[in-house]
Amino acid sequence: MDVPHSQVFFPNTLPELFSAWSRYPNAVPFGGGTEIIRGQGKTTVTLPPNILSLDKLDELHHITRTERYLEIGAMVKINEIINLGKTVPEVLRQTLKGIASPQVQNIATIGGNICHTSRRMDASAPMIALDARYELRTAQGVRWISASRFSALSGPLAFNPQELFTRLRIPLEQWNYSIYKKFESPYIGLESGGVAVFLVRVQKNILTDIRMVFSEKIILRDKNSEAFLAGKRLPLDRKDVVHYLELWKTYLSAIALKGELLKAKLLNFIETTIIELS
């Protein structure tokens, strides 16, 4: 790697990291590095002048499971999570398996995927659908934020200055039906045209919860359509299916997606999944 005039800090603790960050406010936290080198396409890699390596921060590598939650440190590699098997909610595991190649999965971290600055990467969709929460730290303290608030619809991620993503917490709830779909990008050089996840919870033939989330450059989730179907009996009445689809069409009509093709593919996915419940 070509790193002229660069400084790389290897803090062993979070206080050491924040101390270095205060001295060099423009320093960039560095995990797997896939976001920084992605798309450079050169024999030598251009790196930021100052880098804060997260590799030696042990607490960012931890995975903890309780009866209610799965907690994963920001530096845990994608393949490590996949290899946990059924401990991981199936829709998240399938999404992570669809990220790039196994070689990239061995390097990329879950924190890096979630904190990608220019796009809402693949893991964002299942994290929002599963009601995950993220731990963010500064030198002054810790706060938790929901995945949906962190990523929002579009625009910058919900970071405060010199704030570090340190871990995530996923509720281990039972879902009766889940499906993952990765859309191919029509644009050369992009890994993904977006990811959609669909979750359903049923009790005594009553649809108690339904969630459909799409992530790419923006996050799409229509809570009006979710509220409409909540409480409906399965199999769904045809009129309810039609109205649900109309709600999504109305929602998407106000959203700027990359062309009509992606919008059509997304509507086709939504229609296919909801029809399976009717």
Protein backbone atom coordinates (compact mmCIF):
# COMPACT_ATOMS: atom_id res chain seq x y z
CA MET A 1 0.00 0.00 0.00
CA ASP A 2 1.13 3.51 -0.78
CA VAL A 3 0.71 5.50 2.42
CA PRO A 4 3.04 8.49 2.18
CA HIS A 5 2.74 11.09 4.95
CA SER A 6 0.07 8.97 6.69
CA GLN A 7 -0.15 8.20 10.38
CA VAL A 8 -1.81 5.05 11.63
CA PHE A 9 -2.78 4.82 15.29
CA PHE A 10 -3.36 1.45 16.97
CA PRO A 11 -5.20 2.22 20.23
CA ASN A 12 -5.71 -0.66 22.66
CA THR A 13 -8.62 0.98 24.48
CA LEU A 14 -11.43 3.33 23.61
CA PRO A 15 -10.01 6.13 25.81
CA GLU A 16 -6.76 5.87 23.82
CA LEU A 17 -8.74 6.08 20.58
CA PHE A 18 -10.68 9.16 21.61
CA SER A 19 -7.50 10.79 22.88
CA ALA A 20 -5.86 10.35 19.46
CA TRP A 21 -9.06 11.48 17.75
CA SER A 22 -9.11 14.70 19.77
CA ARG A 23 -5.55 15.48 18.64
CA TYR A 24 -6.34 14.65 15.02
CA PRO A 25 -10.04 15.53 14.47
CA ASN A 26 -9.91 14.56 10.78
CA ALA A 27 -8.63 11.05 11.50
CA VAL A 28 -10.72 8.23 10.04
CA PRO A 29 -11.70 5.08 12.01
CA PHE A 30 -10.50 2.02 10.07
CA GLY A 31 -11.98 -1.46 10.40
CA GLY A 32 -11.94 -3.87 7.49
CA GLY A 33 -11.12 -1.03 5.11
CA THR A 34 -13.45 -2.16 2.34
CA GLU A 35 -15.27 1.17 2.15
CA ILE A 36 -12.06 3.19 1.86
CA ILE A 37 -10.47 1.05 -0.88
CA ARG A 38 -13.72 0.11 -2.66
CA GLY A 39 -13.83 1.38 -6.21
CA GLN A 40 -10.30 2.85 -6.26
CA GLY A 41 -9.19 0.28 -8.87
CA LYS A 42 -5.50 1.16 -8.60
CA THR A 43 -2.36 -0.85 -7.90
CA THR A 44 -1.65 1.53 -5.00
CA VAL A 45 -4.33 2.59 -2.56
CA THR A 46 -4.98 6.16 -1.47
CA LEU A 47 -5.58 6.36 2.27
CA PRO A 48 -6.63 9.23 4.54
CA PRO A 49 -3.73 11.15 6.13
CA ASN A 50 -4.59 9.90 9.62
CA ILE A 51 -6.14 6.53 10.43
CA LEU A 52 -7.49 5.16 13.70
CA SER A 53 -7.19 1.39 13.50
CA LEU A 54 -9.97 -0.42 15.40
CA ASP A 55 -8.32 -3.82 15.18
CA LYS A 56 -6.88 -3.96 18.72
CA LEU A 57 -10.06 -2.85 20.48
CA ASP A 58 -11.11 -6.22 21.91
CA GLU A 59 -14.61 -5.18 22.96
CA LEU A 60 -15.48 -4.39 19.34
CA HIS A 61 -14.83 -8.05 18.43
CA HIS A 62 -17.23 -9.58 20.98
CA ILE A 63 -20.40 -11.58 20.24
CA THR A 64 -22.85 -12.12 23.11
CA ARG A 65 -26.17 -13.98 23.14
CA THR A 66 -28.86 -13.80 25.82
CA GLU A 67 -32.40 -15.17 25.82
CA ARG A 68 -33.69 -11.91 24.35
CA TYR A 69 -30.83 -10.39 22.34
CA LEU A 70 -27.85 -11.02 20.11
CA GLU A 71 -25.13 -8.40 20.60
CA ILE A 72 -22.36 -8.05 18.02
CA GLY A 73 -19.31 -5.80 18.13
CA ALA A 74 -18.70 -3.44 15.25
CA MET A 75 -15.44 -5.17 14.26
CA VAL A 76 -16.95 -8.65 13.91
CA LYS A 77 -16.41 -9.91 10.36
CA ILE A 78 -19.38 -10.70 8.13
CA ASN A 79 -18.35 -14.35 7.79
CA GLU A 80 -18.13 -14.73 11.60
CA ILE A 81 -21.80 -13.76 11.88
CA ILE A 82 -22.81 -16.08 9.03
CA ASN A 83 -21.01 -18.95 10.76
CA LEU A 84 -23.10 -18.50 13.91
CA GLY A 85 -25.85 -20.36 12.03
CA LYS A 86 -29.32 -20.44 13.54
CA THR A 87 -28.30 -18.11 16.36
CA VAL A 88 -28.69 -15.31 13.81
CA PRO A 89 -32.19 -14.38 12.54
CA GLU A 90 -32.52 -16.10 9.18
CA VAL A 91 -33.34 -12.97 7.19
CA LEU A 92 -30.14 -11.31 8.45
CA ARG A 93 -28.02 -14.39 7.81
CA GLN A 94 -29.29 -14.67 4.23
CA THR A 95 -28.62 -10.98 3.66
CA LEU A 96 -25.05 -11.27 4.92
CA LYS A 97 -24.42 -14.34 2.76
CA GLY A 98 -25.40 -12.23 -0.26
CA ILE A 99 -22.78 -9.55 0.45
CA ALA A 100 -20.03 -9.57 -2.17
CA SER A 101 -17.74 -12.64 -2.21
CA PRO A 102 -16.54 -14.95 0.60
CA GLN A 103 -13.15 -13.25 0.33
CA VAL A 104 -14.72 -9.86 1.07
CA GLN A 105 -16.87 -11.37 3.83
CA ASN A 106 -13.64 -12.47 5.54
CA ILE A 107 -12.45 -8.85 5.64
CA ALA A 108 -15.55 -6.65 5.84
CA THR A 109 -16.99 -5.86 9.28
CA ILE A 110 -20.63 -5.51 10.24
CA GLY A 111 -19.96 -2.01 11.55
CA GLY A 112 -18.42 -0.95 8.26
CA ASN A 113 -21.37 -2.28 6.29
CA ILE A 114 -23.87 -0.40 8.45
CA CYS A 115 -21.83 2.82 8.55
CA HIS A 116 -21.15 3.11 4.81
CA THR A 117 -21.32 6.84 4.14
CA SER A 118 -22.53 7.00 0.53
CA ARG A 119 -25.10 4.17 0.43
CA ARG A 120 -27.41 2.26 2.74
CA MET A 121 -25.66 -1.09 2.46
CA ASP A 122 -27.26 -4.53 2.52
CA ALA A 123 -27.34 -5.08 6.29
CA SER A 124 -29.39 -1.92 6.88
CA ALA A 125 -32.65 -3.50 5.62
CA PRO A 126 -32.77 -6.50 8.00
CA MET A 127 -31.46 -4.41 10.90
CA ILE A 128 -34.35 -1.98 10.52
CA ALA A 129 -36.91 -4.75 10.00
CA LEU A 130 -35.65 -6.60 13.10
CA ASP A 131 -35.73 -3.45 15.31
CA ALA A 132 -31.98 -3.56 15.94
CA ARG A 133 -30.36 -0.86 18.04
CA TYR A 134 -26.87 0.58 17.74
CA GLU A 135 -24.45 1.68 20.44
CA LEU A 136 -22.58 4.91 19.62
CA ARG A 137 -19.77 6.25 21.78
CA THR A 138 -17.90 9.49 22.20
CA ALA A 139 -15.22 10.44 24.69
CA GLN A 140 -18.02 11.85 26.88
CA GLY A 141 -20.46 8.95 26.92
CA VAL A 142 -22.64 6.32 25.28
CA ARG A 143 -26.00 6.44 23.55
CA TRP A 144 -28.25 3.89 21.87
CA ILE A 145 -30.19 4.61 18.69
CA SER A 146 -32.62 2.52 16.65
CA ALA A 147 -31.44 1.23 13.28
CA SER A 148 -34.30 3.08 11.61
CA ARG A 149 -33.34 6.45 13.14
CA PHE A 150 -29.64 5.91 12.46
CA SER A 151 -30.09 5.27 8.73
CA ALA A 152 -33.27 7.32 8.23
CA LEU A 153 -34.76 7.73 4.74
CA SER A 154 -31.76 9.39 3.11
CA GLY A 155 -29.07 11.91 3.87
CA PRO A 156 -26.20 11.50 6.35
CA LEU A 157 -26.14 8.85 9.04
CA ALA A 158 -27.08 10.00 12.55
CA PHE A 159 -23.54 10.44 13.85
CA ASN A 160 -22.50 13.21 16.18
CA PRO A 161 -18.96 14.64 15.79
CA GLN A 162 -16.24 12.11 16.73
CA GLU A 163 -18.76 9.40 17.50
CA LEU A 164 -17.92 5.74 17.00
CA PHE A 165 -20.26 2.85 16.18
CA THR A 166 -19.27 0.16 18.71
CA ARG A 167 -21.91 -2.60 18.73
CA LEU A 168 -25.41 -3.58 17.75
CA ARG A 169 -28.22 -5.36 19.55
CA ILE A 170 -30.76 -7.51 17.72
CA PRO A 171 -33.95 -8.75 19.43
CA LEU A 172 -34.29 -12.53 19.10
CA GLU A 173 -37.99 -12.63 18.26
CA GLN A 174 -39.75 -15.36 16.32
CA TRP A 175 -40.96 -14.60 12.80
CA ASN A 176 -43.22 -17.08 11.04
CA TYR A 177 -42.27 -16.00 7.55
CA SER A 178 -39.22 -14.18 6.23
CA ILE A 179 -37.79 -13.60 2.78
CA TYR A 180 -34.72 -11.81 1.44
CA LYS A 181 -34.24 -10.45 -2.06
CA LYS A 182 -31.14 -8.86 -3.57
CA PHE A 183 -31.73 -6.82 -6.69
CA GLU A 184 -29.11 -6.74 -9.40
CA SER A 185 -27.80 -3.29 -10.20
CA PRO A 186 -28.21 -2.01 -13.77
CA TYR A 187 -25.13 0.13 -13.19
CA ILE A 188 -21.67 -1.30 -13.79
CA GLY A 189 -19.39 -1.23 -10.77
CA LEU A 190 -22.02 -1.35 -8.05
CA GLU A 191 -22.30 -4.45 -5.89
CA SER A 192 -26.03 -4.27 -5.37
CA GLY A 193 -29.18 -2.73 -6.78
CA GLY A 194 -30.63 -2.84 -3.28
CA VAL A 195 -31.90 -5.37 -0.75
CA ALA A 196 -35.49 -6.03 0.34
CA VAL A 197 -36.56 -8.05 3.35
CA PHE A 198 -40.08 -9.15 4.25
CA LEU A 199 -41.10 -10.37 7.72
CA VAL A 200 -44.41 -11.67 9.02
CA ARG A 201 -45.52 -12.71 12.50
CA VAL A 202 -48.74 -14.73 12.92
CA GLN A 203 -50.70 -15.78 16.01
CA LYS A 204 -53.72 -18.07 15.69
CA ASN A 205 -54.07 -17.25 11.99
CA ILE A 206 -54.02 -13.50 12.72
CA LEU A 207 -51.33 -11.42 11.07
CA THR A 208 -49.97 -9.52 14.07
CA ASP A 209 -46.93 -7.87 12.47
CA ILE A 210 -45.65 -7.31 8.93
CA ARG A 211 -42.54 -5.46 7.80
CA MET A 212 -41.13 -4.76 4.35
CA VAL A 213 -37.89 -2.78 4.17
CA PHE A 214 -35.75 -1.88 1.17
CA SER A 215 -32.25 -0.39 1.38
CA GLU A 216 -29.94 1.06 -1.23
CA LYS A 217 -29.12 4.76 -1.46
CA ILE A 218 -32.26 5.35 0.61
CA ILE A 219 -34.37 3.36 3.05
CA LEU A 220 -37.93 2.48 2.04
CA ARG A 221 -40.55 1.33 4.54
CA ASP A 222 -44.26 2.10 4.33
CA LYS A 223 -45.73 1.94 7.83
CA ASN A 224 -49.23 2.76 6.53
CA SER A 225 -49.36 -0.53 4.62
CA GLU A 226 -48.02 -2.39 7.65
CA ALA A 227 -50.69 -0.90 9.91
CA PHE A 228 -53.40 -1.72 7.37
CA LEU A 229 -52.62 -5.46 7.38
CA ALA A 230 -51.99 -5.80 11.11
CA GLY A 231 -54.85 -7.76 12.66
CA LYS A 232 -56.06 -9.30 9.36
CA ARG A 233 -56.90 -12.99 9.31
CA LEU A 234 -54.98 -15.40 7.08
CA PRO A 235 -55.37 -16.25 4.30
CA LEU A 236 -55.72 -12.62 3.29
CA ASP A 237 -58.78 -11.48 1.42
CA ARG A 238 -58.08 -10.47 -2.18
CA LYS A 239 -59.38 -6.95 -1.52
CA ASP A 240 -56.88 -6.52 1.30
CA VAL A 241 -54.03 -7.65 -0.95
CA VAL A 242 -55.04 -5.17 -3.65
CA HIS A 243 -55.33 -2.32 -1.15
CA TYR A 244 -51.94 -3.18 0.38
CA LEU A 245 -50.33 -3.01 -3.07
CA GLU A 246 -52.07 0.28 -3.81
CA LEU A 247 -50.67 1.74 -0.60
CA TRP A 248 -47.17 0.76 -1.70
CA LYS A 249 -47.70 2.20 -5.18
CA THR A 250 -48.81 5.48 -3.64
CA TYR A 251 -45.82 5.49 -1.32
CA LEU A 252 -43.33 4.77 -4.11
CA SER A 253 -44.85 7.38 -6.40
CA ALA A 254 -43.47 10.06 -4.09
CA ILE A 255 -39.99 8.49 -3.86
CA ALA A 256 -37.15 9.18 -6.29
CA LEU A 257 -35.68 5.78 -7.18
CA LYS A 258 -33.05 5.13 -9.84
CA GLY A 259 -35.41 4.63 -12.78
CA GLU A 260 -38.73 2.90 -13.26
CA LEU A 261 -37.14 -0.54 -13.67
CA LEU A 262 -36.08 -0.77 -10.03
CA LYS A 263 -39.48 0.49 -8.89
CA ALA A 264 -41.19 -2.15 -11.03
CA LYS A 265 -38.92 -4.90 -9.64
CA LEU A 266 -39.63 -3.80 -6.09
CA LEU A 267 -43.40 -3.76 -6.63
CA ASN A 268 -43.20 -7.19 -8.23
CA PHE A 269 -41.34 -8.51 -5.18
CA ILE A 270 -43.92 -7.00 -2.82
CA GLU A 271 -46.80 -8.43 -4.84
CA THR A 272 -45.24 -11.90 -5.00
CA THR A 273 -44.60 -12.05 -1.26
CA ILE A 274 -48.01 -10.74 -0.20
CA ILE A 275 -49.87 -13.06 -2.56
CA GLU A 276 -48.26 -16.02 -0.81
CA LEU A 277 -50.23 -14.99 2.28
CA SER A 278 -53.56 -14.85 0.47
